[in-house]
Structures are given as structure tokens and as C-alpha cells.
Amino acid sequence: MTTVAAVDSVNTVLEQIEIDALLEAVFRHYGLDFRSYARASLTRRVRKFVDEEGVRTVSGVQDRVLHEEAAMQRLLSTLTVNVTSMFRDPGFYRSFRTHVAPLLRTYPYVRIWHAGCSTGEEVYSMAILLHEEGLLARTRIYATDIDEDALALAREGIYPLHKMKDYSRGYLAAGGNGSLSDYYTAAYESARLRGFLGERALFTRHNLAMDGAFAEFTAIVCRNVMIYFDRSLQDRVHKLFDESLVRLGVLALGTRESLRTHRSEPRYESLDAEQRIYRKVVA
């Protein structure tokens, strides 16, 4: 007699086979590589997409995304999970002001790579910080993400007005020395960020799982992105960042991420261990 547990076990194995096939198909057809994403969180997102699309199986998802680019874009948005806000983790921005801004002032021109920028709120937060520290005019922020729909929203720099109250609290907690309302205009239910903030940012597509280095940077910010990668992909991204950073450049990770145990760790010193801000000391 077949038990319920045995049936569930078989279904789980079949589901993972289907997910493997889906990821391979997406890679081969669209050139998007999710095969090294952390499997537990990826499985949850695929299940969510199956429910949202109203199909019975992951194989049904594969058939749809291979024949409908719009479905592929919906899947991409589900897999990448754009969780962000202005001045997210205010302690990071306070630390950046204290430890990194003085270092950036020693450079005649600053290039910052904000990898995994999502819909742009954290990029504009950094632009405001740099403006208040007198650095924005000589800084170019290269803001990248895999999701073109998210990048389109980021380029607009328009966000729901009802979020600005929370964002203002984050701004003040992050050490802002004015009022966040100085940086946007309200119209109906939206807040449009001031144009000079976006002028220093270039929002463009880049796939951390597949694409290589494209410039040399004074600082790289990649926060709360690699928690969704498996170890092999994390190693790849750390190598990419190391290749892209100038000597004495700054690397900022999320509080759940770390250089510890990665091969590049000996090449860095900690500027703020709690906020995961490092400085490259070996060329």
C-alpha cells in the first residue's frame, strides 16, 4: 500500500525534475541563468508562479514561458523578487556617510556600481546622500538589474506618494541633514524625484549570473542580492566584484551577506563589520 508520505516524496522529486528542466529551458532560450540560485527560495517562487498562472504543473509553466515572452517577463519578475525601499537599513547609510564618503572625496571622479538595483529606490537614496556630502556632481552611478521592467520604473523615478512618510523616517534615521520632501514633487498620488538625482545614474541591464566586468569602480554596492544565490554563484559574483574594484575601492554587502569564507576575503579589510562594508587592500 502506497503511503501519503511516499506519494509526497515522489511528487517532490518530480517537481525538482520539472524545475531543472524549466531553468535549463529558460537559459537556452532566453540566456537567463537561474540554475545556481538557492533552490529552496527558488522553488517557493516557482510554486507561487504556478498558482498565479493557473497551470497545474511546472511543466505547464515551461510550455507557457517558452512560447510567450510576456509570460517569461512575469516569471522573471517573480524569480527576482524586487524588495526595496528608500533608505532601506538606515544604519548602512549612516555608516556610508561616516566611513566611505571621506574616502570618496580623495578621488577626482567616482564610479559606483549598484548591482541588483531593482526599481531604483536605493539608488536614489545613495544619490541624495552623495549630494548632501558634496560628491554627486563628480559621481556616476551605474545601476544594474536583470529585470527590464524594474529598470523602467527606476528610470522614471516616480514612486507612490503614500510611501514617502516611511521613506522620510528612513532618511532622517540615515543621517539626512534636510527634509526628504526637498528631493521630490508631489502630484496626485505620486512623488517624482528631482531630475538632478537621476541625471547621475545610468540604469542598465546586467546579469550577475552570466555577464562579466564592464568598468572599473571606486565602490560597489550589492545588498541583499546574493542571499538568493548558491555558493558557486556567490563565488562567481565575488570574483566579478574583485575584478571590477580599484585598489582601495569599497564593497558594500547586505547585513545577511559576508566576505567570510570566500576566497577574496584576504584581499579586503573591514570598514564596518556590522554593516558589511569592506575596503579592497590588495590589487
Protein backbone atom coordinates (compact mmCIF):
# COMPACT_ATOMS: atom_id res chain seq x y z
CA MET A 1 0.00 0.00 0.00
CA THR A 2 1.37 3.39 -1.05
CA THR A 3 1.50 5.87 1.81
CA VAL A 4 0.76 9.58 1.62
CA ALA A 5 4.37 10.29 2.57
CA ALA A 6 5.61 8.16 -0.32
CA VAL A 7 3.35 9.98 -2.78
CA ASP A 8 4.54 13.36 -1.47
CA SER A 9 8.14 12.24 -1.83
CA VAL A 10 7.61 11.18 -5.44
CA ASN A 11 5.81 14.44 -6.23
CA THR A 12 8.66 16.44 -4.70
CA VAL A 13 11.23 14.60 -6.83
CA LEU A 14 9.13 15.13 -9.95
CA GLU A 15 8.74 18.80 -9.13
CA GLN A 16 12.51 19.24 -8.86
CA ILE A 17 13.00 17.45 -12.19
CA GLU A 18 10.48 19.83 -13.76
CA ILE A 19 12.18 22.87 -12.19
CA ASP A 20 15.56 21.71 -13.51
CA ALA A 21 14.02 21.39 -16.99
CA LEU A 22 12.39 24.83 -16.70
CA LEU A 23 15.62 26.55 -15.67
CA GLU A 24 17.57 24.82 -18.44
CA ALA A 25 14.94 25.83 -21.00
CA VAL A 26 14.96 29.45 -19.82
CA PHE A 27 18.75 29.51 -20.02
CA ARG A 28 18.91 28.01 -23.50
CA HIS A 29 16.07 30.05 -24.98
CA TYR A 30 16.43 33.42 -23.23
CA GLY A 31 20.02 33.36 -21.98
CA LEU A 32 18.90 33.90 -18.38
CA ASP A 33 20.64 31.65 -15.89
CA PHE A 34 18.81 30.84 -12.65
CA ARG A 35 20.35 27.40 -12.30
CA SER A 36 22.64 28.48 -9.45
CA TYR A 37 20.03 30.31 -7.43
CA ALA A 38 19.39 28.95 -3.93
CA ARG A 39 16.99 26.09 -4.54
CA ALA A 40 14.66 26.43 -1.55
CA SER A 41 13.69 30.05 -2.21
CA LEU A 42 13.57 29.47 -5.97
CA THR A 43 11.21 26.52 -5.52
CA ARG A 44 8.86 28.68 -3.43
CA ARG A 45 8.79 31.32 -6.14
CA VAL A 46 8.16 28.80 -8.91
CA ARG A 47 5.26 27.33 -6.92
CA LYS A 48 3.87 30.82 -6.46
CA PHE A 49 4.10 31.41 -10.21
CA VAL A 50 2.35 28.11 -10.96
CA ASP A 51 -0.57 29.23 -8.78
CA GLU A 52 -0.69 32.73 -10.27
CA GLU A 53 -0.66 31.42 -13.83
CA GLY A 54 -3.40 28.89 -13.13
CA VAL A 55 -1.44 25.94 -14.54
CA ARG A 56 -1.30 22.50 -12.96
CA THR A 57 2.43 21.77 -13.09
CA VAL A 58 5.85 23.34 -13.55
CA SER A 59 5.93 21.71 -16.98
CA GLY A 60 2.91 23.83 -17.83
CA VAL A 61 4.92 26.91 -16.86
CA GLN A 62 7.75 25.80 -19.14
CA ASP A 63 5.43 25.45 -22.11
CA ARG A 64 3.98 28.91 -21.49
CA VAL A 65 7.22 30.85 -20.98
CA LEU A 66 8.90 29.26 -24.00
CA HIS A 67 6.09 30.42 -26.29
CA GLU A 68 5.05 33.69 -24.67
CA GLU A 69 7.64 36.38 -23.94
CA ALA A 70 5.14 38.18 -21.71
CA ALA A 71 4.92 35.05 -19.55
CA MET A 72 8.71 34.96 -19.37
CA GLN A 73 8.73 38.54 -18.12
CA ARG A 74 6.17 37.64 -15.45
CA LEU A 75 8.31 34.69 -14.39
CA LEU A 76 11.40 36.90 -14.29
CA SER A 77 9.65 39.38 -12.02
CA THR A 78 8.61 36.53 -9.71
CA LEU A 79 12.05 34.93 -9.56
CA THR A 80 13.93 38.17 -8.89
CA VAL A 81 11.57 39.47 -6.16
CA ASN A 82 12.02 43.24 -6.14
CA VAL A 83 12.03 44.04 -2.42
CA THR A 84 13.38 47.54 -1.85
CA SER A 85 12.67 50.94 -0.32
CA MET A 86 14.34 54.30 0.06
CA PHE A 87 16.97 54.36 2.81
CA ARG A 88 16.43 50.69 3.50
CA ASP A 89 18.53 49.76 6.55
CA PRO A 90 19.30 53.34 7.66
CA GLY A 91 22.35 52.17 9.60
CA PHE A 92 24.05 51.32 6.32
CA TYR A 93 23.63 54.87 5.02
CA ARG A 94 24.88 56.36 8.29
CA SER A 95 27.95 54.16 8.07
CA PHE A 96 28.49 55.03 4.41
CA ARG A 97 28.47 58.72 5.33
CA THR A 98 30.96 58.14 8.13
CA HIS A 99 33.35 55.61 6.63
CA VAL A 100 33.05 55.83 2.85
CA ALA A 101 32.20 59.42 1.90
CA PRO A 102 35.55 60.76 3.25
CA LEU A 103 37.39 58.18 1.15
CA LEU A 104 35.45 59.09 -1.98
CA ARG A 105 36.43 62.74 -1.55
CA THR A 106 40.01 61.76 -2.29
CA TYR A 107 39.06 60.80 -5.87
CA PRO A 108 38.66 63.39 -8.65
CA TYR A 109 35.90 61.25 -10.20
CA VAL A 110 33.85 58.49 -8.58
CA ARG A 111 32.24 55.49 -10.22
CA ILE A 112 29.78 53.46 -8.17
CA TRP A 113 28.21 50.21 -9.33
CA HIS A 114 24.87 49.49 -7.68
CA ALA A 115 24.27 45.85 -8.62
CA GLY A 116 20.75 44.44 -8.29
CA CYS A 117 19.18 47.90 -8.14
CA SER A 118 15.59 46.69 -8.55
CA THR A 119 13.17 49.61 -9.04
CA GLY A 120 15.75 52.20 -8.01
CA GLU A 121 14.73 53.44 -4.58
CA GLU A 122 18.09 52.61 -3.03
CA VAL A 123 19.97 54.18 -5.94
CA TYR A 124 18.15 57.48 -5.43
CA SER A 125 18.82 57.19 -1.70
CA MET A 126 22.53 56.95 -2.46
CA ALA A 127 22.29 59.90 -4.86
CA ILE A 128 20.72 62.02 -2.10
CA LEU A 129 23.45 61.01 0.34
CA LEU A 130 26.17 61.84 -2.19
CA HIS A 131 24.53 65.18 -2.91
CA GLU A 132 24.50 66.09 0.76
CA GLU A 133 28.14 65.05 1.07
CA GLY A 134 29.15 67.23 -1.90
CA LEU A 135 30.03 64.23 -4.07
CA LEU A 136 27.17 63.74 -6.50
CA ALA A 137 28.39 66.19 -9.15
CA ARG A 138 31.56 64.13 -9.71
CA THR A 139 29.96 60.71 -9.35
CA ARG A 140 28.43 58.37 -11.90
CA ILE A 141 26.23 55.58 -10.54
CA TYR A 142 25.90 52.52 -12.78
CA ALA A 143 22.68 50.89 -11.57
CA THR A 144 22.07 47.40 -12.95
CA ASP A 145 19.47 44.67 -12.68
CA ILE A 146 18.34 41.62 -14.62
CA ASP A 147 14.68 42.76 -14.73
CA GLU A 148 13.98 45.28 -17.51
CA ASP A 149 10.53 46.12 -16.11
CA ALA A 150 12.12 47.08 -12.79
CA LEU A 151 14.72 49.19 -14.60
CA ALA A 152 11.99 51.03 -16.50
CA LEU A 153 10.37 52.03 -13.20
CA ALA A 154 13.76 53.07 -11.83
CA ARG A 155 14.43 55.35 -14.78
CA GLU A 156 11.14 57.15 -14.21
CA GLY A 157 11.94 57.95 -10.59
CA ILE A 158 8.25 58.10 -9.67
CA TYR A 159 7.01 56.34 -6.55
CA PRO A 160 3.73 56.11 -4.61
CA LEU A 161 3.21 59.22 -2.53
CA HIS A 162 1.87 57.24 0.43
CA LYS A 163 5.30 55.63 0.90
CA MET A 164 7.07 58.95 1.40
CA LYS A 165 6.18 59.20 5.08
CA ASP A 166 8.04 55.96 5.83
CA TYR A 167 10.84 56.94 3.46
CA SER A 168 11.19 60.27 5.27
CA ARG A 169 11.66 58.46 8.58
CA GLY A 170 14.32 56.31 6.97
CA TYR A 171 16.02 59.39 5.52
CA LEU A 172 16.28 61.04 8.93
CA ALA A 173 17.43 57.82 10.61
CA ALA A 174 20.08 57.51 7.89
CA GLY A 175 21.56 60.88 8.86
CA GLY A 176 19.82 63.10 6.33
CA ASN A 177 20.50 66.75 7.06
CA GLY A 178 17.40 68.25 5.48
CA SER A 179 13.95 67.05 4.54
CA LEU A 180 13.21 64.29 2.06
CA SER A 181 10.44 66.49 0.63
CA ASP A 182 13.21 68.71 -0.73
CA TYR A 183 14.00 65.95 -3.20
CA TYR A 184 10.62 65.27 -4.77
CA THR A 185 7.48 66.96 -6.04
CA ALA A 186 4.06 65.55 -5.27
CA ALA A 187 1.43 65.22 -7.95
CA TYR A 188 -1.85 63.45 -7.26
CA GLU A 189 -0.86 60.09 -5.70
CA SER A 190 2.75 60.07 -6.90
CA ALA A 191 6.08 61.53 -5.86
CA ARG A 192 8.52 62.42 -8.65
CA LEU A 193 12.14 62.61 -7.55
CA ARG A 194 14.06 65.67 -8.67
CA GLY A 195 15.72 65.31 -12.03
CA PHE A 196 19.28 66.05 -10.94
CA LEU A 197 19.33 62.84 -8.88
CA GLY A 198 18.60 60.63 -11.87
CA GLU A 199 21.00 62.51 -14.14
CA ARG A 200 23.95 60.98 -12.31
CA ALA A 201 22.59 57.41 -12.59
CA LEU A 202 22.69 55.11 -15.60
CA PHE A 203 20.13 52.30 -15.28
CA THR A 204 21.06 49.36 -17.46
CA ARG A 205 20.60 45.60 -17.67
CA HIS A 206 23.28 43.26 -16.33
CA ASN A 207 23.03 39.60 -15.32
CA LEU A 208 25.30 38.77 -12.39
CA ALA A 209 24.98 35.06 -13.18
CA MET A 210 26.35 35.39 -16.71
CA ASP A 211 27.74 38.82 -17.60
CA GLY A 212 31.28 39.98 -16.95
CA ALA A 213 33.03 43.11 -15.73
CA PHE A 214 32.26 46.22 -17.75
CA ALA A 215 34.16 49.05 -15.99
CA GLU A 216 36.44 49.87 -13.08
CA PHE A 217 34.69 51.17 -9.97
CA THR A 218 35.55 53.15 -6.88
CA ALA A 219 32.75 51.47 -4.94
CA ILE A 220 30.34 48.59 -5.48
CA VAL A 221 27.04 48.29 -3.63
CA CYS A 222 25.25 44.93 -3.82
CA ARG A 223 22.97 44.48 -0.85
CA ASN A 224 20.51 41.65 -0.19
CA VAL A 225 21.07 40.09 -3.60
CA MET A 226 23.47 37.20 -3.06
CA ILE A 227 21.34 35.68 -0.30
CA TYR A 228 19.34 34.18 -3.18
CA PHE A 229 22.43 32.59 -4.82
CA ASP A 230 24.03 29.25 -4.09
CA ARG A 231 27.67 29.12 -3.05
CA SER A 232 29.08 28.64 -6.56
CA LEU A 233 27.25 31.69 -7.88
CA GLN A 234 28.24 33.74 -4.84
CA ASP A 235 31.88 32.87 -5.57
CA ARG A 236 31.45 33.93 -9.19
CA VAL A 237 29.96 37.29 -8.19
CA HIS A 238 32.64 37.97 -5.58
CA LYS A 239 35.30 37.32 -8.23
CA LEU A 240 33.48 39.67 -10.61
CA PHE A 241 33.35 42.42 -8.00
CA ASP A 242 37.01 41.94 -7.10
CA GLU A 243 37.95 42.30 -10.77
CA SER A 244 35.83 45.44 -11.04
CA LEU A 245 37.07 47.31 -7.96
CA VAL A 246 40.08 49.61 -7.94
CA ARG A 247 42.66 49.07 -5.23
CA LEU A 248 41.34 50.71 -2.05
CA GLY A 249 37.84 50.60 -3.53
CA VAL A 250 34.83 49.91 -1.30
CA LEU A 251 32.50 46.90 -1.38
CA ALA A 252 29.16 47.11 0.44
CA LEU A 253 27.07 43.97 1.03
CA GLY A 254 23.82 43.27 2.86
CA THR A 255 23.78 42.52 6.57
CA ARG A 256 22.96 38.86 5.86
CA GLU A 257 25.91 38.60 3.46
CA SER A 258 29.63 38.50 4.14
CA LEU A 259 33.05 38.03 2.60
CA ARG A 260 33.85 35.49 5.31
CA THR A 261 34.99 32.12 3.93
CA HIS A 262 35.09 33.43 0.36
CA ARG A 263 38.41 33.27 -1.46
CA SER A 264 38.59 37.04 -1.89
CA GLU A 265 38.29 37.71 1.86
CA PRO A 266 42.07 38.16 2.47
CA ARG A 267 42.09 40.94 -0.12
CA TYR A 268 39.82 43.17 1.95
CA GLU A 269 39.75 44.93 5.29
CA SER A 270 36.57 45.71 7.19
CA LEU A 271 35.45 49.34 7.45
CA ASP A 272 32.27 48.41 9.32
CA ALA A 273 31.81 44.74 10.17
CA GLU A 274 28.20 45.15 11.29
CA GLN A 275 27.12 46.91 8.10
CA ARG A 276 29.29 44.66 5.87
CA ILE A 277 31.34 47.47 4.34
CA TYR A 278 34.81 46.45 3.16
CA ARG A 279 37.82 48.06 1.51
CA LYS A 280 39.98 46.28 -1.05
CA VAL A 281 43.60 46.48 0.09
CA VAL A 282 45.27 44.09 -2.38
CA ALA A 283 45.45 44.96 -6.07
